[in-house]
């Protein structure tokens, strides 16, 4: 239903127009009437009509001035002018204002009014359709990465192939040929700390996608997609041709892509591609195979080409048994700030894990937990983006280099207790003396003779964390020492530190240390 406003200082004329036609048949509703330009402008703001039928010759603000003001407020509004005058200059002004029609009061008929309104409605429909198309295109443009990820998700679901072509067309992806090849690329995270922040990973994947698209010259039909699992895909769609070695051409494109990425972004990437296959329905299976082969090659040095197909490996899951002694040596080097000891320990860990073929997923998870303990011991907030990058590392060599860089960052950034200012030492002393109590911010503020609100703000400014987090961290640091150095049960340690329930203590411990008390011990 479209909305119309009637404006005329001649009251009978408005009544006449109201009854002249059946407005409902035209899907139009009269939402407001006004007898002056000023009142009309006020009602226009309140009701926002689609069409305005207004007299021209009104006092104070005539119809032309009114129309100009209304178009400033709502550019798409349609205007129909009514007047007793027939001079040409009025018609000319009406044309300049993009009016839909110019009707003479004394000559107006129901047919004329209906015809003018139909024209206005058609113009409105056209404008709305254009706006919807623009809005849709803008939405596609602004959310293209999200929509591409959704499209990639569809690719991995075997029962959603019927929707793929439709979804693809919305993104400008049209696979017209019968055959495909897939390439999967991973970032080499070892070069990250030198040039980028860990959280820059999504931006880099987006940049890689843009570089790949800019390289296309029409000779190959390649679609580039990125995934939340930190890899990107290049999907080649082609028609077999005996005169063209498609594998060589695709390989050459991927090699050039690696070079450009290194040249522009200064990072390395690992790229692997599948053999040619037929049918869109096989994409999900080929992608799974590519991921599996990549995982099986975790300890290899392959960084480009076709991965050797291998049967499912029986990985070694004895992570703690295999690496605990070596990791203890690494931790000691960390505590001593001994770079040489850290380097030697990491190298031995690297060789031992490779020799024992430790499960990559479990290994990366355990390494992440161990690094979180180091962060905690230096009073540093865990760098979640680092841990994400670590667990997404496709090669063990790169993961070890990434860990080495992070450990060095922790040693440089972490603060020791001797560096804390006097007020923090006073706070630490209070917490130490009341370990078995539930220490609140109000308790601490009263001890320091400070207003609680002021203490809360100044403490956050000083330490970068709220007081509750600080107390938990302080207590968890003590808990770590007790778990390692004493034979007391977890329940007793929790009770000593003011945690009445073991489950709550374990939850807090894992939140701040990264592992459960049992695993830490």
Protein backbone atom coordinates (compact mmCIF):
# COMPACT_ATOMS: atom_id res chain seq x y z
CA UNK A 1 0.00 0.00 0.00
CA UNK A 2 1.35 3.40 -1.02
CA UNK A 3 0.78 6.54 1.07
CA UNK A 4 -0.53 9.85 -0.32
CA UNK A 5 -0.87 13.35 1.16
CA UNK A 6 -3.35 15.96 -0.10
CA UNK A 7 -2.40 19.64 0.28
CA UNK A 8 -4.67 22.58 -0.65
CA UNK A 9 -5.87 25.71 1.14
CA UNK A 10 -9.24 25.09 -0.55
CA UNK A 11 -11.03 22.71 1.86
CA UNK A 12 -13.81 21.70 -0.60
CA UNK A 13 -11.15 20.78 -3.17
CA UNK A 14 -9.57 18.30 -0.75
CA UNK A 15 -12.98 16.76 -0.02
CA UNK A 16 -13.63 16.52 -3.75
CA UNK A 17 -10.32 14.74 -4.40
CA UNK A 18 -10.88 12.35 -1.48
CA UNK A 19 -14.14 11.11 -3.05
CA UNK A 20 -13.24 11.42 -6.73
CA UNK A 21 -11.70 7.93 -7.05
CA UNK A 22 -11.52 4.61 -5.20
CA UNK A 23 -8.03 4.98 -3.72
CA UNK A 24 -7.96 1.42 -2.39
CA UNK A 25 -8.25 -0.06 -5.90
CA UNK A 26 -4.97 1.65 -6.74
CA UNK A 27 -3.35 0.31 -3.55
CA UNK A 28 -3.08 3.88 -2.25
CA UNK A 29 -4.06 5.22 1.18
CA UNK A 30 -4.60 8.88 2.14
CA UNK A 31 -2.49 9.28 5.27
CA UNK A 32 -2.65 13.09 5.73
CA UNK A 33 -4.34 16.27 4.52
CA UNK A 34 -3.10 19.82 5.04
CA UNK A 35 -4.41 23.28 4.25
CA UNK A 36 -1.07 25.15 4.27
CA UNK A 37 2.49 24.54 3.21
CA UNK A 38 3.83 24.83 6.76
CA UNK A 39 1.37 22.25 8.15
CA UNK A 40 2.00 19.99 5.16
CA UNK A 41 5.75 19.97 5.86
CA UNK A 42 5.13 19.05 9.49
CA UNK A 43 2.80 16.16 8.52
CA UNK A 44 5.24 15.06 5.82
CA UNK A 45 7.93 14.47 8.46
CA UNK A 46 5.48 12.51 10.59
CA UNK A 47 3.86 10.31 7.91
CA UNK A 48 6.52 10.15 5.14
CA UNK A 49 4.06 9.80 2.21
CA UNK A 50 5.15 8.30 -1.11
CA UNK A 51 3.00 10.68 -3.22
CA UNK A 52 2.01 14.31 -2.56
CA UNK A 53 -0.82 16.04 -4.45
CA UNK A 54 -0.48 19.76 -3.76
CA UNK A 55 -1.93 23.03 -4.91
CA UNK A 56 0.61 25.51 -6.23
CA UNK A 57 -1.04 28.82 -5.33
CA UNK A 58 -0.97 28.81 -1.51
CA UNK A 59 -0.05 31.74 0.79
CA UNK A 60 3.28 31.94 2.70
CA UNK A 61 4.71 28.74 1.21
CA UNK A 62 3.47 27.86 -2.25
CA UNK A 63 3.38 24.36 -3.73
CA UNK A 64 6.69 24.77 -5.58
CA UNK A 65 8.56 25.72 -2.42
CA UNK A 66 6.83 22.93 -0.50
CA UNK A 67 7.79 20.33 -3.12
CA UNK A 68 11.43 21.45 -3.04
CA UNK A 69 11.56 21.06 0.76
CA UNK A 70 9.89 17.67 0.63
CA UNK A 71 12.36 16.40 -1.95
CA UNK A 72 15.22 17.39 0.35
CA UNK A 73 13.68 15.21 3.06
CA UNK A 74 12.73 12.32 0.76
CA UNK A 75 14.25 12.52 -2.74
CA UNK A 76 12.13 9.66 -4.13
CA UNK A 77 8.76 11.28 -3.25
CA UNK A 78 6.42 11.69 -6.24
CA UNK A 79 4.73 15.08 -6.73
CA UNK A 80 1.42 15.89 -8.51
CA UNK A 81 0.65 19.62 -8.87
CA UNK A 82 -2.85 21.14 -8.86
CA UNK A 83 -3.55 24.70 -9.94
CA UNK A 84 -6.08 27.02 -11.42
CA UNK A 85 -3.35 28.68 -13.45
CA UNK A 86 -2.39 27.53 -16.90
CA UNK A 87 0.66 29.67 -17.50
CA UNK A 88 3.62 27.90 -19.03
CA UNK A 89 6.16 29.03 -16.43
CA UNK A 90 4.40 26.97 -13.75
CA UNK A 91 4.57 23.88 -15.90
CA UNK A 92 8.24 24.58 -16.58
CA UNK A 93 9.00 24.80 -12.86
CA UNK A 94 7.07 21.59 -12.27
CA UNK A 95 9.28 19.84 -14.84
CA UNK A 96 12.40 21.19 -13.12
CA UNK A 97 11.17 19.71 -9.85
CA UNK A 98 10.70 16.32 -11.53
CA UNK A 99 6.94 16.41 -10.92
CA UNK A 100 4.93 13.47 -12.20
CA UNK A 101 2.08 15.61 -13.51
CA UNK A 102 0.52 19.07 -13.66
CA UNK A 103 -3.29 18.98 -13.33
CA UNK A 104 -5.76 21.82 -13.86
CA UNK A 105 -8.32 21.96 -11.05
CA UNK A 106 -11.26 23.01 -13.26
CA UNK A 107 -10.58 20.20 -15.75
CA UNK A 108 -9.55 17.30 -13.55
CA UNK A 109 -11.46 14.04 -13.95
CA UNK A 110 -11.32 10.70 -12.18
CA UNK A 111 -9.65 9.15 -15.23
CA UNK A 112 -6.95 11.84 -15.34
CA UNK A 113 -6.20 11.50 -11.62
CA UNK A 114 -6.07 7.69 -11.81
CA UNK A 115 -3.75 7.79 -14.80
CA UNK A 116 -1.41 10.25 -13.06
CA UNK A 117 -1.39 8.16 -9.88
CA UNK A 118 -0.68 4.95 -11.79
CA UNK A 119 2.30 6.65 -13.38
CA UNK A 120 3.54 7.77 -9.95
CA UNK A 121 3.10 4.27 -8.51
CA UNK A 122 5.02 2.77 -11.43
CA UNK A 123 7.84 5.27 -10.89
CA UNK A 124 7.90 4.37 -7.20
CA UNK A 125 8.10 0.66 -8.04
CA UNK A 126 10.99 1.30 -10.41
CA UNK A 127 12.86 3.38 -7.83
CA UNK A 128 12.27 0.78 -5.11
CA UNK A 129 13.50 -2.01 -7.37
CA UNK A 130 16.63 -0.03 -8.18
CA UNK A 131 17.24 0.68 -4.50
CA UNK A 132 16.77 -2.99 -3.64
CA UNK A 133 19.25 -4.00 -6.35
CA UNK A 134 21.76 -1.43 -5.13
CA UNK A 135 21.23 -2.56 -1.54
CA UNK A 136 21.65 -6.20 -2.54
CA UNK A 137 24.85 -5.48 -4.48
CA UNK A 138 26.19 -3.42 -1.58
CA UNK A 139 25.41 -6.24 0.84
CA UNK A 140 27.13 -8.75 -1.43
CA UNK A 141 30.17 -6.46 -1.69
CA UNK A 142 30.36 -5.70 2.05
CA UNK A 143 29.83 -9.31 3.11
CA UNK A 144 31.63 -11.00 0.25
CA UNK A 145 34.17 -12.72 2.50
CA UNK A 146 31.45 -14.04 4.80
CA UNK A 147 29.36 -15.23 1.85
CA UNK A 148 32.40 -16.89 0.31
CA UNK A 149 33.01 -18.77 3.55
CA UNK A 150 29.39 -19.91 3.56
CA UNK A 151 29.84 -21.01 -0.03
CA UNK A 152 32.95 -22.96 0.96
CA UNK A 153 30.98 -24.62 3.75
CA UNK A 154 28.42 -25.71 1.17
CA UNK A 155 31.25 -27.22 -0.87
CA UNK A 156 32.20 -29.46 2.02
CA UNK A 157 28.65 -30.79 2.48
CA UNK A 158 27.97 -33.61 0.10
CA UNK A 159 24.18 -33.14 0.14
CA UNK A 160 24.16 -29.44 -0.80
CA UNK A 161 25.43 -29.55 -4.39
CA UNK A 162 22.11 -28.49 -5.92
CA UNK A 163 22.39 -25.09 -4.23
CA UNK A 164 26.02 -24.49 -5.17
CA UNK A 165 25.55 -23.08 -8.66
CA UNK A 166 22.84 -20.69 -7.47
CA UNK A 167 24.92 -19.50 -4.49
CA UNK A 168 27.98 -19.20 -6.69
CA UNK A 169 26.27 -16.95 -9.23
CA UNK A 170 25.42 -14.47 -6.46
CA UNK A 171 29.16 -14.16 -5.84
CA UNK A 172 30.11 -14.09 -9.49
CA UNK A 173 31.27 -17.72 -9.41
CA UNK A 174 30.13 -19.68 -12.47
CA UNK A 175 31.55 -23.15 -13.01
CA UNK A 176 30.56 -23.96 -16.56
CA UNK A 177 32.96 -26.84 -17.19
CA UNK A 178 33.01 -30.44 -16.07
CA UNK A 179 36.51 -30.81 -14.60
CA UNK A 180 38.28 -29.39 -11.54
CA UNK A 181 41.55 -29.18 -9.66
CA UNK A 182 41.94 -27.91 -6.11
CA UNK A 183 44.94 -26.25 -4.48
CA UNK A 184 45.15 -25.65 -0.73
CA UNK A 185 47.53 -23.13 0.80
CA UNK A 186 48.66 -22.55 4.40
CA UNK A 187 50.57 -19.61 5.81
CA UNK A 188 54.08 -20.31 7.04
CA UNK A 189 53.68 -18.84 10.52
CA UNK A 190 57.40 -18.96 11.30
CA UNK A 191 57.83 -15.57 9.57
CA UNK A 192 54.94 -13.92 11.44
CA UNK A 193 56.66 -12.38 14.48
CA UNK A 194 59.21 -10.61 12.30
CA UNK A 195 56.67 -8.73 10.21
CA UNK A 196 53.11 -9.12 11.47
CA UNK A 197 50.99 -9.44 14.57
CA UNK A 198 49.46 -12.87 15.14
CA UNK A 199 45.99 -11.40 14.80
CA UNK A 200 46.82 -10.18 11.27
CA UNK A 201 46.22 -13.69 9.90
CA UNK A 202 42.68 -12.96 8.50
CA UNK A 203 43.95 -9.79 6.81
CA UNK A 204 46.80 -11.72 5.19
CA UNK A 205 44.44 -14.40 3.89
CA UNK A 206 42.26 -11.64 2.44
CA UNK A 207 45.33 -10.07 0.81
CA UNK A 208 46.34 -13.43 -0.67
CA UNK A 209 42.86 -13.85 -2.12
CA UNK A 210 43.12 -10.41 -3.76
CA UNK A 211 46.57 -11.16 -5.18
CA UNK A 212 45.29 -14.42 -6.69
CA UNK A 213 42.28 -12.70 -8.27
CA UNK A 214 44.44 -9.91 -9.71
CA UNK A 215 46.70 -12.49 -11.37
CA UNK A 216 43.84 -13.97 -13.39
CA UNK A 217 44.00 -12.93 -17.04
CA UNK A 218 41.10 -14.96 -18.42
CA UNK A 219 43.19 -17.92 -19.57
CA UNK A 220 42.35 -19.91 -16.44
CA UNK A 221 39.06 -19.94 -14.53
CA UNK A 222 40.11 -19.99 -10.88
CA UNK A 223 38.03 -19.25 -7.79
CA UNK A 224 39.85 -18.26 -4.59
CA UNK A 225 38.23 -18.94 -1.20
CA UNK A 226 39.49 -18.55 2.37
CA UNK A 227 38.43 -20.53 5.41
CA UNK A 228 38.28 -19.96 9.16
CA UNK A 229 40.62 -22.92 9.57
CA UNK A 230 43.37 -20.64 8.24
CA UNK A 231 43.83 -21.96 4.74
CA UNK A 232 42.92 -20.70 1.29
CA UNK A 233 41.74 -22.60 -1.76
CA UNK A 234 42.24 -22.06 -5.46
CA UNK A 235 39.65 -24.06 -7.41
CA UNK A 236 40.32 -24.49 -11.12
CA UNK A 237 37.34 -25.19 -13.40
CA UNK A 238 38.23 -26.31 -16.92
CA UNK A 239 37.31 -28.38 -19.96
CA UNK A 240 39.90 -31.04 -20.90
CA UNK A 241 41.91 -30.20 -24.01
CA UNK A 242 44.57 -32.52 -25.44
CA UNK A 243 46.57 -29.57 -26.74
CA UNK A 244 46.96 -28.10 -23.24
CA UNK A 245 48.65 -29.59 -20.17
CA UNK A 246 46.30 -28.19 -17.54
CA UNK A 247 48.28 -29.57 -14.61
CA UNK A 248 51.43 -27.70 -15.70
CA UNK A 249 49.50 -24.48 -16.26
CA UNK A 250 47.82 -24.68 -12.84
CA UNK A 251 51.12 -25.52 -11.17
CA UNK A 252 52.77 -22.56 -12.92
CA UNK A 253 49.99 -20.23 -11.71
CA UNK A 254 50.41 -21.45 -8.12
CA UNK A 255 54.20 -21.06 -8.26
CA UNK A 256 53.78 -17.48 -9.49
CA UNK A 257 51.25 -16.86 -6.70
CA UNK A 258 53.80 -18.00 -4.10
CA UNK A 259 56.41 -15.67 -5.55
CA UNK A 260 54.07 -12.67 -5.57
CA UNK A 261 52.93 -13.34 -2.00
CA UNK A 262 56.54 -13.49 -0.86
CA UNK A 263 57.36 -10.36 -2.85
CA UNK A 264 54.38 -8.29 -1.65
CA UNK A 265 53.74 -9.66 1.84
CA UNK A 266 57.18 -11.07 2.73
CA UNK A 267 55.76 -14.31 4.08
CA UNK A 268 56.05 -17.90 2.90
CA UNK A 269 53.14 -20.20 2.07
CA UNK A 270 52.79 -23.93 1.60
CA UNK A 271 50.71 -24.89 -1.45
CA UNK A 272 49.51 -28.37 -2.41
CA UNK A 273 47.20 -29.39 -5.22
CA UNK A 274 45.06 -32.35 -6.17
CA UNK A 275 45.01 -34.42 -9.32
CA UNK A 276 42.35 -33.50 -11.92
CA UNK A 277 38.87 -34.83 -11.19
CA UNK A 278 35.41 -34.62 -12.72
CA UNK A 279 32.19 -33.29 -11.24
CA UNK A 280 31.27 -30.67 -8.65
CA UNK A 281 29.96 -33.45 -6.41
CA UNK A 282 33.53 -34.71 -5.87
CA UNK A 283 34.91 -31.41 -4.55
CA UNK A 284 34.12 -32.22 -0.91
CA UNK A 285 35.85 -35.62 -1.10
CA UNK A 286 38.94 -34.17 -2.85
CA UNK A 287 39.15 -31.41 -0.27
CA UNK A 288 39.00 -33.89 2.61
CA UNK A 289 41.70 -35.99 0.97
CA UNK A 290 43.89 -32.91 0.51
CA UNK A 291 43.49 -31.97 4.17
CA UNK A 292 44.23 -35.51 5.29
CA UNK A 293 47.35 -35.78 3.13
CA UNK A 294 48.50 -32.41 4.47
CA UNK A 295 48.09 -33.61 8.04
CA UNK A 296 49.98 -36.81 7.30
CA UNK A 297 52.85 -34.68 5.94
CA UNK A 298 53.11 -32.65 9.19
CA UNK A 299 56.73 -33.71 9.83
CA UNK A 300 57.83 -33.51 6.18
CA UNK A 301 59.60 -30.64 4.44
CA UNK A 302 57.27 -30.60 1.41
CA UNK A 303 56.02 -27.06 0.77
CA UNK A 304 54.76 -27.19 -2.82
CA UNK A 305 53.28 -29.62 -5.30
CA UNK A 306 51.30 -32.83 -5.07
CA UNK A 307 51.34 -34.45 -1.65
CA UNK A 308 51.96 -38.20 -1.59
CA UNK A 309 48.80 -40.10 -0.83
CA UNK A 310 49.18 -42.08 2.35
CA UNK A 311 47.08 -44.40 4.41
CA UNK A 312 45.76 -43.20 7.74
CA UNK A 313 48.69 -43.11 10.18
CA UNK A 314 48.65 -44.52 13.69
CA UNK A 315 50.06 -41.51 15.50
CA UNK A 316 51.82 -41.77 18.87
CA UNK A 317 49.67 -40.15 21.59
CA UNK A 318 52.19 -40.33 24.45
CA UNK A 319 52.94 -36.59 24.39
CA UNK A 320 53.64 -36.15 28.11
CA UNK A 321 55.75 -39.31 28.42
CA UNK A 322 57.84 -38.42 25.38
CA UNK A 323 58.43 -34.70 25.90
CA UNK A 324 57.95 -33.85 29.59
CA UNK A 325 61.64 -34.15 30.56
CA UNK A 326 62.76 -32.11 27.54
CA UNK A 327 60.11 -29.47 28.20
CA UNK A 328 61.26 -29.18 31.82
CA UNK A 329 64.73 -28.34 30.50
CA UNK A 330 63.19 -25.76 28.20
CA UNK A 331 61.30 -24.21 31.13
CA UNK A 332 64.50 -24.01 33.16
CA UNK A 333 66.21 -22.20 30.29
CA UNK A 334 63.22 -19.88 30.17
CA UNK A 335 63.45 -19.15 33.91
CA UNK A 336 67.18 -18.51 33.55
CA UNK A 337 66.58 -16.33 30.45
CA UNK A 338 69.15 -18.52 28.68
CA UNK A 339 68.57 -18.24 24.91
CA UNK A 340 71.13 -20.93 24.13
CA UNK A 341 69.51 -23.45 26.47
CA UNK A 342 66.08 -22.66 25.01
CA UNK A 343 67.35 -23.16 21.45
CA UNK A 344 68.98 -26.51 22.28
CA UNK A 345 65.91 -27.77 24.16
CA UNK A 346 63.56 -26.78 21.34
CA UNK A 347 65.78 -28.51 18.78
CA UNK A 348 65.74 -31.71 20.84
CA UNK A 349 61.96 -31.46 21.26
CA UNK A 350 61.62 -31.01 17.50
CA UNK A 351 63.70 -34.08 16.70
CA UNK A 352 62.13 -36.25 19.40
CA UNK A 353 58.55 -35.43 18.32
CA UNK A 354 59.42 -36.12 14.68
CA UNK A 355 61.17 -39.38 15.48
CA UNK A 356 58.31 -40.59 17.69
CA UNK A 357 55.66 -39.33 15.20
CA UNK A 358 53.57 -37.67 17.90
CA UNK A 359 49.98 -36.88 16.95
CA UNK A 360 50.04 -33.35 15.38
CA UNK A 361 46.70 -32.18 16.81
CA UNK A 362 47.46 -33.32 20.34
CA UNK A 363 51.04 -32.08 20.12
CA UNK A 364 49.99 -28.57 19.08
CA UNK A 365 47.35 -28.49 21.81
CA UNK A 366 49.86 -29.51 24.47
CA UNK A 367 52.50 -27.01 23.24
CA UNK A 368 49.86 -24.29 23.39
CA UNK A 369 49.08 -25.22 27.01
CA UNK A 370 52.77 -25.17 27.96
CA UNK A 371 53.29 -21.73 26.39
CA UNK A 372 50.22 -20.44 28.29
CA UNK A 373 51.89 -21.53 31.53
CA UNK A 374 54.96 -19.46 30.61
CA UNK A 375 52.74 -16.45 29.85
CA UNK A 376 51.02 -16.86 33.18
CA UNK A 377 54.25 -17.13 35.14
CA UNK A 378 55.37 -13.78 33.71
CA UNK A 379 52.02 -12.12 34.49
CA UNK A 380 51.17 -11.80 30.82
CA UNK A 381 47.71 -12.12 29.36
CA UNK A 382 47.56 -15.08 26.96
CA UNK A 383 47.96 -14.09 23.31
CA UNK A 384 44.95 -15.99 21.92
CA UNK A 385 45.79 -15.13 18.32
CA UNK A 386 49.25 -16.67 18.79
CA UNK A 387 47.76 -19.89 20.13
CA UNK A 388 45.38 -20.03 17.20
CA UNK A 389 48.27 -19.65 14.76
CA UNK A 390 50.28 -22.29 16.61
CA UNK A 391 47.49 -24.85 16.47
CA UNK A 392 46.93 -24.14 12.77
CA UNK A 393 50.59 -24.69 11.82
CA UNK A 394 50.75 -27.16 8.96
CA UNK A 395 54.44 -28.06 9.50
CA UNK A 396 56.29 -28.95 12.67
CA UNK A 397 59.42 -26.96 11.75
CA UNK A 398 57.34 -23.78 11.44
CA UNK A 399 55.58 -24.51 14.74
CA UNK A 400 58.90 -24.84 16.59
CA UNK A 401 60.15 -21.53 15.14
CA UNK A 402 56.87 -19.89 16.16
CA UNK A 403 57.21 -21.19 19.73
CA UNK A 404 60.79 -19.95 19.95
CA UNK A 405 59.73 -16.45 18.89
CA UNK A 406 56.88 -16.40 21.40
CA UNK A 407 59.08 -17.58 24.27
CA UNK A 408 61.53 -14.77 23.50
CA UNK A 409 58.65 -12.28 23.44
CA UNK A 410 57.47 -13.51 26.85
CA UNK A 411 60.96 -13.13 28.34
CA UNK A 412 61.24 -9.58 27.03
CA UNK A 413 57.69 -8.46 27.85
CA UNK A 414 57.16 -10.22 31.18
CA UNK A 415 57.71 -8.39 34.44
CA UNK A 416 59.27 -9.76 37.61
CA UNK A 417 58.03 -8.99 41.12
CA UNK A 418 61.03 -6.69 41.76
CA UNK A 419 59.77 -4.35 39.02
CA UNK A 420 56.41 -3.77 40.65
CA UNK A 421 55.87 -0.45 42.34
CA UNK A 422 55.49 -0.07 46.07
CA UNK A 423 51.69 0.03 46.08
CA UNK A 424 51.46 -3.24 44.15
CA UNK A 425 53.87 -4.79 46.65
CA UNK A 426 51.59 -3.64 49.44
CA UNK A 427 48.63 -5.24 47.62
CA UNK A 428 50.60 -8.46 47.13
CA UNK A 429 51.47 -8.54 50.82
CA UNK A 430 47.81 -8.15 51.77
CA UNK A 431 46.74 -10.96 49.43
CA UNK A 432 49.53 -13.17 50.79
CA UNK A 433 48.39 -12.56 54.36
CA UNK A 434 44.75 -13.35 53.50
CA UNK A 435 45.19 -16.24 51.07
CA UNK A 436 42.46 -18.39 52.59
CA UNK A 437 39.91 -15.55 52.40
CA UNK A 438 37.67 -14.29 49.62
CA UNK A 439 39.38 -10.95 49.00
CA UNK A 440 37.14 -8.29 47.47
CA UNK A 441 37.91 -4.97 45.83
CA UNK A 442 36.18 -3.16 48.73
CA UNK A 443 38.39 -4.97 51.25
CA UNK A 444 41.52 -3.87 49.40
CA UNK A 445 40.30 -0.28 48.94
CA UNK A 446 39.54 0.01 52.68
CA UNK A 447 43.01 -1.26 53.52
CA UNK A 448 44.56 1.41 51.29
CA UNK A 449 42.12 4.09 52.56
CA UNK A 450 40.84 4.68 49.05
CA UNK A 451 37.42 5.09 47.49
CA UNK A 452 36.50 1.72 45.87
CA UNK A 453 35.57 3.30 42.52
CA UNK A 454 38.79 5.29 42.39
CA UNK A 455 40.84 2.24 43.40
CA UNK A 456 39.17 0.13 40.70
CA UNK A 457 39.96 2.66 37.95
CA UNK A 458 43.53 3.35 39.06
CA UNK A 459 44.30 -0.35 39.53
CA UNK A 460 43.06 -1.19 36.02
CA UNK A 461 45.14 1.68 34.62
CA UNK A 462 48.24 0.50 36.49
CA UNK A 463 48.04 -3.23 35.79
CA UNK A 464 45.87 -3.57 32.68
CA UNK A 465 43.48 -5.95 34.48
CA UNK A 466 40.69 -5.71 37.04
CA UNK A 467 41.37 -6.46 40.69
CA UNK A 468 39.48 -9.78 40.73
CA UNK A 469 41.60 -11.10 37.85
CA UNK A 470 44.73 -9.95 39.66
CA UNK A 471 43.80 -11.83 42.85
CA UNK A 472 43.00 -15.01 40.90
CA UNK A 473 46.28 -14.79 39.01
CA UNK A 474 48.23 -14.24 42.23
CA UNK A 475 46.60 -17.24 43.88
CA UNK A 476 47.00 -19.45 40.80
CA UNK A 477 50.73 -18.64 40.73
CA UNK A 478 50.97 -19.96 44.29
CA UNK A 479 48.80 -22.94 43.33
CA UNK A 480 51.28 -23.83 40.56
CA UNK A 481 54.15 -23.92 43.07
CA UNK A 482 52.16 -26.00 45.56
CA UNK A 483 51.09 -28.48 42.91
CA UNK A 484 54.69 -28.97 41.78
CA UNK A 485 56.47 -28.83 45.14
CA UNK A 486 54.06 -30.37 47.65
CA UNK A 487 52.23 -33.65 47.97
CA UNK A 488 49.03 -32.02 49.18
CA UNK A 489 45.79 -32.90 47.40
CA UNK A 490 44.07 -30.49 45.04
CA UNK A 491 41.25 -30.08 47.59
CA UNK A 492 43.66 -28.99 50.35
CA UNK A 493 45.46 -26.54 48.04
CA UNK A 494 42.13 -25.08 46.91
CA UNK A 495 41.01 -24.67 50.55
CA UNK A 496 44.28 -22.95 51.51
CA UNK A 497 43.78 -20.44 48.71
CA UNK A 498 40.19 -19.60 49.66
CA UNK A 499 38.35 -21.82 47.18
CA UNK A 500 35.79 -23.90 49.02
CA UNK A 501 34.85 -26.07 46.05
CA UNK A 502 37.37 -28.11 44.08
CA UNK A 503 35.39 -27.81 40.83
CA UNK A 504 35.40 -24.00 41.01
CA UNK A 505 39.12 -23.98 41.84
CA UNK A 506 39.83 -26.25 38.84
CA UNK A 507 37.76 -23.99 36.58
CA UNK A 508 39.65 -20.88 37.73
CA UNK A 509 43.01 -22.67 37.47
CA UNK A 510 42.36 -23.75 33.88
CA UNK A 511 41.14 -20.28 32.92
CA UNK A 512 44.36 -18.58 34.06
CA UNK A 513 46.96 -21.31 33.60
CA UNK A 514 45.55 -23.01 30.49
CA UNK A 515 45.55 -26.59 31.84
CA UNK A 516 43.76 -28.41 34.63
CA UNK A 517 45.48 -28.84 38.04
CA UNK A 518 45.81 -32.56 37.30
CA UNK A 519 47.53 -32.00 33.94
CA UNK A 520 49.79 -29.32 35.42
CA UNK A 521 50.92 -31.58 38.23
